[in-house]
mmCIF file of all heavy atoms, coordinates in Angstrom:
data_MODEL
# 
_entry.id   MODEL 
# 
loop_
_atom_site.group_PDB 
_atom_site.id 
_atom_site.type_symbol 
_atom_site.label_atom_id 
_atom_site.label_alt_id 
_atom_site.label_comp_id 
_atom_site.label_asym_id 
_atom_site.label_entity_id 
_atom_site.label_seq_id 
_atom_site.pdbx_PDB_ins_code 
_atom_site.Cartn_x 
_atom_site.Cartn_y 
_atom_site.Cartn_z 
_atom_site.occupancy 
_atom_site.B_iso_or_equiv 
_atom_site.pdbx_formal_charge 
_atom_site.auth_seq_id 
_atom_site.auth_comp_id 
_atom_site.auth_asym_id 
_atom_site.auth_atom_id 
_atom_site.pdbx_PDB_model_num 
ATOM 1   N N   . GLN A 1 1  ? 68.606 108.084 167.394 1.00 0.00 ? 1  GLN A N   1 
ATOM 2   C CA  . GLN A 1 1  ? 67.916 107.730 168.624 1.00 0.00 ? 1  GLN A CA  1 
ATOM 3   C C   . GLN A 1 1  ? 66.832 108.724 168.962 1.00 0.00 ? 1  GLN A C   1 
ATOM 4   O O   . GLN A 1 1  ? 65.790 108.390 169.549 1.00 0.00 ? 1  GLN A O   1 
ATOM 5   C CB  . GLN A 1 1  ? 68.917 107.624 169.773 1.00 0.00 ? 1  GLN A CB  1 
ATOM 6   C CG  . GLN A 1 1  ? 68.362 107.129 171.066 1.00 0.00 ? 1  GLN A CG  1 
ATOM 7   C CD  . GLN A 1 1  ? 67.833 105.724 171.044 1.00 0.00 ? 1  GLN A CD  1 
ATOM 8   O OE1 . GLN A 1 1  ? 68.323 104.918 170.279 1.00 0.00 ? 1  GLN A OE1 1 
ATOM 9   N NE2 . GLN A 1 1  ? 66.855 105.462 171.951 1.00 0.00 ? 1  GLN A NE2 1 
ATOM 10  N N   . LEU A 1 2  ? 67.068 110.025 168.709 1.00 0.00 ? 2  LEU A N   1 
ATOM 11  C CA  . LEU A 1 2  ? 66.091 111.047 169.113 1.00 0.00 ? 2  LEU A CA  1 
ATOM 12  C C   . LEU A 1 2  ? 65.339 111.634 167.892 1.00 0.00 ? 2  LEU A C   1 
ATOM 13  O O   . LEU A 1 2  ? 64.705 112.687 168.037 1.00 0.00 ? 2  LEU A O   1 
ATOM 14  C CB  . LEU A 1 2  ? 66.800 112.203 169.852 1.00 0.00 ? 2  LEU A CB  1 
ATOM 15  C CG  . LEU A 1 2  ? 67.515 111.800 171.161 1.00 0.00 ? 2  LEU A CG  1 
ATOM 16  C CD1 . LEU A 1 2  ? 68.232 113.098 171.768 1.00 0.00 ? 2  LEU A CD1 1 
ATOM 17  C CD2 . LEU A 1 2  ? 66.502 111.166 172.115 1.00 0.00 ? 2  LEU A CD2 1 
ATOM 18  N N   . ASN A 1 3  ? 65.352 110.973 166.839 1.00 0.00 ? 3  ASN A N   1 
ATOM 19  C CA  . ASN A 1 3  ? 64.655 111.460 165.563 1.00 0.00 ? 3  ASN A CA  1 
ATOM 20  C C   . ASN A 1 3  ? 63.252 111.004 165.591 1.00 0.00 ? 3  ASN A C   1 
ATOM 21  O O   . ASN A 1 3  ? 62.943 109.834 165.306 1.00 0.00 ? 3  ASN A O   1 
ATOM 22  C CB  . ASN A 1 3  ? 65.417 110.959 164.386 1.00 0.00 ? 3  ASN A CB  1 
ATOM 23  C CG  . ASN A 1 3  ? 64.943 111.630 163.104 1.00 0.00 ? 3  ASN A CG  1 
ATOM 24  O OD1 . ASN A 1 3  ? 63.881 112.180 163.082 1.00 0.00 ? 3  ASN A OD1 1 
ATOM 25  N ND2 . ASN A 1 3  ? 65.674 111.487 162.061 1.00 0.00 ? 3  ASN A ND2 1 
ATOM 26  N N   . ASP A 1 4  ? 62.316 111.905 165.950 1.00 0.00 ? 4  ASP A N   1 
ATOM 27  C CA  . ASP A 1 4  ? 60.900 111.506 166.060 1.00 0.00 ? 4  ASP A CA  1 
ATOM 28  C C   . ASP A 1 4  ? 60.226 111.468 164.665 1.00 0.00 ? 4  ASP A C   1 
ATOM 29  O O   . ASP A 1 4  ? 59.010 111.222 164.584 1.00 0.00 ? 4  ASP A O   1 
ATOM 30  C CB  . ASP A 1 4  ? 60.215 112.509 166.930 1.00 0.00 ? 4  ASP A CB  1 
ATOM 31  C CG  . ASP A 1 4  ? 60.256 113.932 166.508 1.00 0.00 ? 4  ASP A CG  1 
ATOM 32  O OD1 . ASP A 1 4  ? 60.734 114.199 165.358 1.00 0.00 ? 4  ASP A OD1 1 
ATOM 33  O OD2 . ASP A 1 4  ? 59.804 114.775 167.284 1.00 0.00 ? 4  ASP A OD2 1 
ATOM 34  N N   . ARG A 1 5  ? 60.993 111.633 163.595 1.00 0.00 ? 5  ARG A N   1 
ATOM 35  C CA  . ARG A 1 5  ? 60.363 111.510 162.250 1.00 0.00 ? 5  ARG A CA  1 
ATOM 36  C C   . ARG A 1 5  ? 60.511 110.026 161.724 1.00 0.00 ? 5  ARG A C   1 
ATOM 37  O O   . ARG A 1 5  ? 59.971 109.801 160.644 1.00 0.00 ? 5  ARG A O   1 
ATOM 38  C CB  . ARG A 1 5  ? 61.124 112.439 161.277 1.00 0.00 ? 5  ARG A CB  1 
ATOM 39  C CG  . ARG A 1 5  ? 60.958 113.916 161.632 1.00 0.00 ? 5  ARG A CG  1 
ATOM 40  C CD  . ARG A 1 5  ? 61.627 114.786 160.587 1.00 0.00 ? 5  ARG A CD  1 
ATOM 41  N NE  . ARG A 1 5  ? 60.981 114.615 159.254 1.00 0.00 ? 5  ARG A NE  1 
ATOM 42  C CZ  . ARG A 1 5  ? 61.539 114.884 158.062 1.00 0.00 ? 5  ARG A CZ  1 
ATOM 43  N NH1 . ARG A 1 5  ? 62.828 115.330 158.137 1.00 0.00 ? 5  ARG A NH1 1 
ATOM 44  N NH2 . ARG A 1 5  ? 60.938 114.663 156.931 1.00 0.00 ? 5  ARG A NH2 1 
ATOM 45  N N   . ILE A 1 6  ? 61.112 109.204 162.497 1.00 0.00 ? 6  ILE A N   1 
ATOM 46  C CA  . ILE A 1 6  ? 61.153 107.771 162.068 1.00 0.00 ? 6  ILE A CA  1 
ATOM 47  C C   . ILE A 1 6  ? 60.462 106.937 163.128 1.00 0.00 ? 6  ILE A C   1 
ATOM 48  O O   . ILE A 1 6  ? 60.337 107.411 164.300 1.00 0.00 ? 6  ILE A O   1 
ATOM 49  C CB  . ILE A 1 6  ? 62.595 107.302 161.808 1.00 0.00 ? 6  ILE A CB  1 
ATOM 50  C CG1 . ILE A 1 6  ? 63.361 107.263 163.101 1.00 0.00 ? 6  ILE A CG1 1 
ATOM 51  C CG2 . ILE A 1 6  ? 63.312 108.163 160.829 1.00 0.00 ? 6  ILE A CG2 1 
ATOM 52  C CD1 . ILE A 1 6  ? 64.765 106.569 162.966 1.00 0.00 ? 6  ILE A CD1 1 
ATOM 53  N N   . PRO A 1 7  ? 59.994 105.763 162.836 1.00 0.00 ? 7  PRO A N   1 
ATOM 54  C CA  . PRO A 1 7  ? 59.253 104.930 163.834 1.00 0.00 ? 7  PRO A CA  1 
ATOM 55  C C   . PRO A 1 7  ? 60.164 104.727 165.062 1.00 0.00 ? 7  PRO A C   1 
ATOM 56  O O   . PRO A 1 7  ? 61.424 104.449 164.974 1.00 0.00 ? 7  PRO A O   1 
ATOM 57  C CB  . PRO A 1 7  ? 58.998 103.649 163.081 1.00 0.00 ? 7  PRO A CB  1 
ATOM 58  C CG  . PRO A 1 7  ? 59.015 104.016 161.706 1.00 0.00 ? 7  PRO A CG  1 
ATOM 59  C CD  . PRO A 1 7  ? 60.020 105.150 161.491 1.00 0.00 ? 7  PRO A CD  1 
ATOM 60  N N   . ALA A 1 8  ? 59.512 104.685 166.245 1.00 0.00 ? 8  ALA A N   1 
ATOM 61  C CA  . ALA A 1 8  ? 60.227 104.565 167.548 1.00 0.00 ? 8  ALA A CA  1 
ATOM 62  C C   . ALA A 1 8  ? 61.021 103.243 167.629 1.00 0.00 ? 8  ALA A C   1 
ATOM 63  O O   . ALA A 1 8  ? 62.081 103.203 168.123 1.00 0.00 ? 8  ALA A O   1 
ATOM 64  C CB  . ALA A 1 8  ? 59.256 104.665 168.663 1.00 0.00 ? 8  ALA A CB  1 
ATOM 65  N N   . THR A 1 9  ? 60.448 102.183 166.988 1.00 0.00 ? 9  THR A N   1 
ATOM 66  C CA  . THR A 1 9  ? 61.142 100.893 167.094 1.00 0.00 ? 9  THR A CA  1 
ATOM 67  C C   . THR A 1 9  ? 62.441 100.831 166.230 1.00 0.00 ? 9  THR A C   1 
ATOM 68  O O   . THR A 1 9  ? 63.258 99.944  166.411 1.00 0.00 ? 9  THR A O   1 
ATOM 69  C CB  . THR A 1 9  ? 60.204 99.805  166.559 1.00 0.00 ? 9  THR A CB  1 
ATOM 70  O OG1 . THR A 1 9  ? 59.786 100.110 165.234 1.00 0.00 ? 9  THR A OG1 1 
ATOM 71  C CG2 . THR A 1 9  ? 59.035 99.612  167.444 1.00 0.00 ? 9  THR A CG2 1 
ATOM 72  N N   . LEU A 1 10 ? 62.581 101.805 165.327 1.00 0.00 ? 10 LEU A N   1 
ATOM 73  C CA  . LEU A 1 10 ? 63.800 101.778 164.506 1.00 0.00 ? 10 LEU A CA  1 
ATOM 74  C C   . LEU A 1 10 ? 64.896 102.750 164.960 1.00 0.00 ? 10 LEU A C   1 
ATOM 75  O O   . LEU A 1 10 ? 66.065 102.659 164.501 1.00 0.00 ? 10 LEU A O   1 
ATOM 76  C CB  . LEU A 1 10 ? 63.416 102.169 163.063 1.00 0.00 ? 10 LEU A CB  1 
ATOM 77  C CG  . LEU A 1 10 ? 62.413 101.302 162.338 1.00 0.00 ? 10 LEU A CG  1 
ATOM 78  C CD1 . LEU A 1 10 ? 62.154 101.768 160.874 1.00 0.00 ? 10 LEU A CD1 1 
ATOM 79  C CD2 . LEU A 1 10 ? 62.753 99.819  162.387 1.00 0.00 ? 10 LEU A CD2 1 
ATOM 80  N N   . ARG A 1 11 ? 64.572 103.585 165.895 1.00 0.00 ? 11 ARG A N   1 
ATOM 81  C CA  . ARG A 1 11 ? 65.497 104.607 166.339 1.00 0.00 ? 11 ARG A CA  1 
ATOM 82  C C   . ARG A 1 11 ? 66.792 104.038 166.928 1.00 0.00 ? 11 ARG A C   1 
ATOM 83  O O   . ARG A 1 11 ? 66.692 103.110 167.712 1.00 0.00 ? 11 ARG A O   1 
ATOM 84  C CB  . ARG A 1 11 ? 64.872 105.633 167.256 1.00 0.00 ? 11 ARG A CB  1 
ATOM 85  C CG  . ARG A 1 11 ? 63.738 106.407 166.679 1.00 0.00 ? 11 ARG A CG  1 
ATOM 86  C CD  . ARG A 1 11 ? 62.933 107.233 167.638 1.00 0.00 ? 11 ARG A CD  1 
ATOM 87  N NE  . ARG A 1 11 ? 61.702 107.658 167.067 1.00 0.00 ? 11 ARG A NE  1 
ATOM 88  C CZ  . ARG A 1 11 ? 60.727 108.233 167.759 1.00 0.00 ? 11 ARG A CZ  1 
ATOM 89  N NH1 . ARG A 1 11 ? 60.816 108.376 169.102 1.00 0.00 ? 11 ARG A NH1 1 
ATOM 90  N NH2 . ARG A 1 11 ? 59.584 108.580 167.161 1.00 0.00 ? 11 ARG A NH2 1 
ATOM 91  N N   . GLY A 1 12 ? 67.932 104.534 166.500 1.00 0.00 ? 12 GLY A N   1 
ATOM 92  C CA  . GLY A 1 12 ? 69.169 104.029 167.061 1.00 0.00 ? 12 GLY A CA  1 
ATOM 93  C C   . GLY A 1 12 ? 69.679 102.724 166.490 1.00 0.00 ? 12 GLY A C   1 
ATOM 94  O O   . GLY A 1 12 ? 70.560 102.151 167.068 1.00 0.00 ? 12 GLY A O   1 
ATOM 95  N N   . THR A 1 13 ? 69.164 102.332 165.330 1.00 0.00 ? 13 THR A N   1 
ATOM 96  C CA  . THR A 1 13 ? 69.471 101.043 164.758 1.00 0.00 ? 13 THR A CA  1 
ATOM 97  C C   . THR A 1 13 ? 69.962 101.203 163.314 1.00 0.00 ? 13 THR A C   1 
ATOM 98  O O   . THR A 1 13 ? 69.893 102.210 162.741 1.00 0.00 ? 13 THR A O   1 
ATOM 99  C CB  . THR A 1 13 ? 68.301 100.064 164.778 1.00 0.00 ? 13 THR A CB  1 
ATOM 100 O OG1 . THR A 1 13 ? 67.228 100.566 163.931 1.00 0.00 ? 13 THR A OG1 1 
ATOM 101 C CG2 . THR A 1 13 ? 67.671 100.011 166.225 1.00 0.00 ? 13 THR A CG2 1 
ATOM 102 N N   . PHE A 1 14 ? 70.415 99.998  162.820 1.00 0.00 ? 14 PHE A N   1 
ATOM 103 C CA  . PHE A 1 14 ? 70.765 99.920  161.428 1.00 0.00 ? 14 PHE A CA  1 
ATOM 104 C C   . PHE A 1 14 ? 69.554 100.245 160.606 1.00 0.00 ? 14 PHE A C   1 
ATOM 105 O O   . PHE A 1 14 ? 69.658 101.056 159.580 1.00 0.00 ? 14 PHE A O   1 
ATOM 106 C CB  . PHE A 1 14 ? 71.302 98.531  160.995 1.00 0.00 ? 14 PHE A CB  1 
ATOM 107 C CG  . PHE A 1 14 ? 72.543 98.085  161.745 1.00 0.00 ? 14 PHE A CG  1 
ATOM 108 C CD1 . PHE A 1 14 ? 72.644 96.885  162.358 1.00 0.00 ? 14 PHE A CD1 1 
ATOM 109 C CD2 . PHE A 1 14 ? 73.642 98.957  161.759 1.00 0.00 ? 14 PHE A CD2 1 
ATOM 110 C CE1 . PHE A 1 14 ? 73.781 96.439  162.960 1.00 0.00 ? 14 PHE A CE1 1 
ATOM 111 C CE2 . PHE A 1 14 ? 74.889 98.566  162.426 1.00 0.00 ? 14 PHE A CE2 1 
ATOM 112 C CZ  . PHE A 1 14 ? 74.934 97.351  163.025 1.00 0.00 ? 14 PHE A CZ  1 
ATOM 113 N N   . ALA A 1 15 ? 68.435 99.708  160.931 1.00 0.00 ? 15 ALA A N   1 
ATOM 114 C CA  . ALA A 1 15 ? 67.184 99.982  160.147 1.00 0.00 ? 15 ALA A CA  1 
ATOM 115 C C   . ALA A 1 15 ? 66.812 101.448 160.298 1.00 0.00 ? 15 ALA A C   1 
ATOM 116 O O   . ALA A 1 15 ? 66.201 102.015 159.355 1.00 0.00 ? 15 ALA A O   1 
ATOM 117 C CB  . ALA A 1 15 ? 66.107 99.075  160.630 1.00 0.00 ? 15 ALA A CB  1 
ATOM 118 N N   . GLY A 1 16 ? 67.126 102.027 161.399 1.00 0.00 ? 16 GLY A N   1 
ATOM 119 C CA  . GLY A 1 16 ? 66.837 103.479 161.605 1.00 0.00 ? 16 GLY A CA  1 
ATOM 120 C C   . GLY A 1 16 ? 67.605 104.346 160.622 1.00 0.00 ? 16 GLY A C   1 
ATOM 121 O O   . GLY A 1 16 ? 67.054 105.267 160.038 1.00 0.00 ? 16 GLY A O   1 
ATOM 122 N N   . LEU A 1 17 ? 68.855 104.056 160.460 1.00 0.00 ? 17 LEU A N   1 
ATOM 123 C CA  . LEU A 1 17 ? 69.694 104.779 159.516 1.00 0.00 ? 17 LEU A CA  1 
ATOM 124 C C   . LEU A 1 17 ? 69.186 104.603 158.104 1.00 0.00 ? 17 LEU A C   1 
ATOM 125 O O   . LEU A 1 17 ? 69.297 105.497 157.260 1.00 0.00 ? 17 LEU A O   1 
ATOM 126 C CB  . LEU A 1 17 ? 71.152 104.414 159.674 1.00 0.00 ? 17 LEU A CB  1 
ATOM 127 C CG  . LEU A 1 17 ? 72.134 105.220 158.772 1.00 0.00 ? 17 LEU A CG  1 
ATOM 128 C CD1 . LEU A 1 17 ? 72.035 106.689 158.950 1.00 0.00 ? 17 LEU A CD1 1 
ATOM 129 C CD2 . LEU A 1 17 ? 73.555 104.672 158.978 1.00 0.00 ? 17 LEU A CD2 1 
ATOM 130 N N   . ALA A 1 18 ? 68.689 103.378 157.852 1.00 0.00 ? 18 ALA A N   1 
ATOM 131 C CA  . ALA A 1 18 ? 68.233 103.083 156.443 1.00 0.00 ? 18 ALA A CA  1 
ATOM 132 C C   . ALA A 1 18 ? 66.852 103.654 156.207 1.00 0.00 ? 18 ALA A C   1 
ATOM 133 O O   . ALA A 1 18 ? 66.408 103.587 155.016 1.00 0.00 ? 18 ALA A O   1 
ATOM 134 C CB  . ALA A 1 18 ? 68.173 101.602 156.302 1.00 0.00 ? 18 ALA A CB  1 
ATOM 135 N N   . ASP A 1 19 ? 66.179 104.255 157.141 1.00 0.00 ? 19 ASP A N   1 
ATOM 136 C CA  . ASP A 1 19 ? 64.834 104.763 156.989 1.00 0.00 ? 19 ASP A CA  1 
ATOM 137 C C   . ASP A 1 19 ? 64.932 105.896 155.904 1.00 0.00 ? 19 ASP A C   1 
ATOM 138 O O   . ASP A 1 19 ? 65.883 106.634 155.879 1.00 0.00 ? 19 ASP A O   1 
ATOM 139 C CB  . ASP A 1 19 ? 64.304 105.446 158.326 1.00 0.00 ? 19 ASP A CB  1 
ATOM 140 C CG  . ASP A 1 19 ? 62.846 105.855 158.153 1.00 0.00 ? 19 ASP A CG  1 
ATOM 141 O OD1 . ASP A 1 19 ? 61.946 105.043 158.449 1.00 0.00 ? 19 ASP A OD1 1 
ATOM 142 O OD2 . ASP A 1 19 ? 62.642 107.052 157.826 1.00 0.00 ? 19 ASP A OD2 1 
ATOM 143 N N   . PRO A 1 20 ? 63.889 105.948 155.018 1.00 0.00 ? 20 PRO A N   1 
ATOM 144 C CA  . PRO A 1 20 ? 63.902 106.982 153.954 1.00 0.00 ? 20 PRO A CA  1 
ATOM 145 C C   . PRO A 1 20 ? 64.147 108.372 154.403 1.00 0.00 ? 20 PRO A C   1 
ATOM 146 O O   . PRO A 1 20 ? 64.767 109.168 153.714 1.00 0.00 ? 20 PRO A O   1 
ATOM 147 C CB  . PRO A 1 20 ? 62.581 106.752 153.248 1.00 0.00 ? 20 PRO A CB  1 
ATOM 148 C CG  . PRO A 1 20 ? 62.226 105.349 153.532 1.00 0.00 ? 20 PRO A CG  1 
ATOM 149 C CD  . PRO A 1 20 ? 62.776 105.054 154.927 1.00 0.00 ? 20 PRO A CD  1 
ATOM 150 N N   . VAL A 1 21 ? 63.648 108.762 155.596 1.00 0.00 ? 21 VAL A N   1 
ATOM 151 C CA  . VAL A 1 21 ? 63.866 110.061 156.143 1.00 0.00 ? 21 VAL A CA  1 
ATOM 152 C C   . VAL A 1 21 ? 65.331 110.409 156.262 1.00 0.00 ? 21 VAL A C   1 
ATOM 153 O O   . VAL A 1 21 ? 65.838 111.457 155.890 1.00 0.00 ? 21 VAL A O   1 
ATOM 154 C CB  . VAL A 1 21 ? 63.098 110.204 157.443 1.00 0.00 ? 21 VAL A CB  1 
ATOM 155 C CG1 . VAL A 1 21 ? 63.515 111.549 158.162 1.00 0.00 ? 21 VAL A CG1 1 
ATOM 156 C CG2 . VAL A 1 21 ? 61.578 110.237 157.219 1.00 0.00 ? 21 VAL A CG2 1 
ATOM 157 N N   . ASN A 1 22 ? 66.066 109.455 156.917 1.00 0.00 ? 22 ASN A N   1 
ATOM 158 C CA  . ASN A 1 22 ? 67.497 109.658 157.130 1.00 0.00 ? 22 ASN A CA  1 
ATOM 159 C C   . ASN A 1 22 ? 68.324 109.561 155.789 1.00 0.00 ? 22 ASN A C   1 
ATOM 160 O O   . ASN A 1 22 ? 69.265 110.335 155.631 1.00 0.00 ? 22 ASN A O   1 
ATOM 161 C CB  . ASN A 1 22 ? 68.005 108.652 158.143 1.00 0.00 ? 22 ASN A CB  1 
ATOM 162 C CG  . ASN A 1 22 ? 67.588 108.986 159.570 1.00 0.00 ? 22 ASN A CG  1 
ATOM 163 O OD1 . ASN A 1 22 ? 67.410 110.153 159.910 1.00 0.00 ? 22 ASN A OD1 1 
ATOM 164 N ND2 . ASN A 1 22 ? 67.361 107.919 160.321 1.00 0.00 ? 22 ASN A ND2 1 
ATOM 165 N N   . VAL A 1 23 ? 67.907 108.656 154.968 1.00 0.00 ? 23 VAL A N   1 
ATOM 166 C CA  . VAL A 1 23 ? 68.697 108.579 153.710 1.00 0.00 ? 23 VAL A CA  1 
ATOM 167 C C   . VAL A 1 23 ? 68.509 109.846 152.873 1.00 0.00 ? 23 VAL A C   1 
ATOM 168 O O   . VAL A 1 23 ? 69.475 110.388 152.259 1.00 0.00 ? 23 VAL A O   1 
ATOM 169 C CB  . VAL A 1 23 ? 68.175 107.331 152.850 1.00 0.00 ? 23 VAL A CB  1 
ATOM 170 C CG1 . VAL A 1 23 ? 68.872 107.317 151.520 1.00 0.00 ? 23 VAL A CG1 1 
ATOM 171 C CG2 . VAL A 1 23 ? 68.515 106.106 153.595 1.00 0.00 ? 23 VAL A CG2 1 
ATOM 172 N N   . ALA A 1 24 ? 67.300 110.334 152.892 1.00 0.00 ? 24 ALA A N   1 
ATOM 173 C CA  . ALA A 1 24 ? 67.035 111.630 152.114 1.00 0.00 ? 24 ALA A CA  1 
ATOM 174 C C   . ALA A 1 24 ? 67.740 112.781 152.763 1.00 0.00 ? 24 ALA A C   1 
ATOM 175 O O   . ALA A 1 24 ? 68.296 113.661 152.025 1.00 0.00 ? 24 ALA A O   1 
ATOM 176 C CB  . ALA A 1 24 ? 65.536 111.909 152.162 1.00 0.00 ? 24 ALA A CB  1 
ATOM 177 N N   . TYR A 1 25 ? 67.884 112.775 154.087 1.00 0.00 ? 25 TYR A N   1 
ATOM 178 C CA  . TYR A 1 25 ? 68.709 113.819 154.716 1.00 0.00 ? 25 TYR A CA  1 
ATOM 179 C C   . TYR A 1 25 ? 70.117 113.809 154.303 1.00 0.00 ? 25 TYR A C   1 
ATOM 180 O O   . TYR A 1 25 ? 70.745 114.854 153.992 1.00 0.00 ? 25 TYR A O   1 
ATOM 181 C CB  . TYR A 1 25 ? 68.593 113.685 156.249 1.00 0.00 ? 25 TYR A CB  1 
ATOM 182 C CG  . TYR A 1 25 ? 69.425 114.679 157.044 1.00 0.00 ? 25 TYR A CG  1 
ATOM 183 C CD1 . TYR A 1 25 ? 69.006 115.861 157.409 1.00 0.00 ? 25 TYR A CD1 1 
ATOM 184 C CD2 . TYR A 1 25 ? 70.795 114.315 157.432 1.00 0.00 ? 25 TYR A CD2 1 
ATOM 185 C CE1 . TYR A 1 25 ? 69.698 116.783 158.101 1.00 0.00 ? 25 TYR A CE1 1 
ATOM 186 C CE2 . TYR A 1 25 ? 71.526 115.185 158.121 1.00 0.00 ? 25 TYR A CE2 1 
ATOM 187 C CZ  . TYR A 1 25 ? 71.041 116.440 158.470 1.00 0.00 ? 25 TYR A CZ  1 
ATOM 188 O OH  . TYR A 1 25 ? 71.798 117.385 159.129 1.00 0.00 ? 25 TYR A OH  1 
# 
């Protein structure tokens, strides 16, 4: 939800966790 490295529309969602930034983390 507060990760400004991923698009704002994806934060806090299933798609947000699937973002390459989070998967790489």
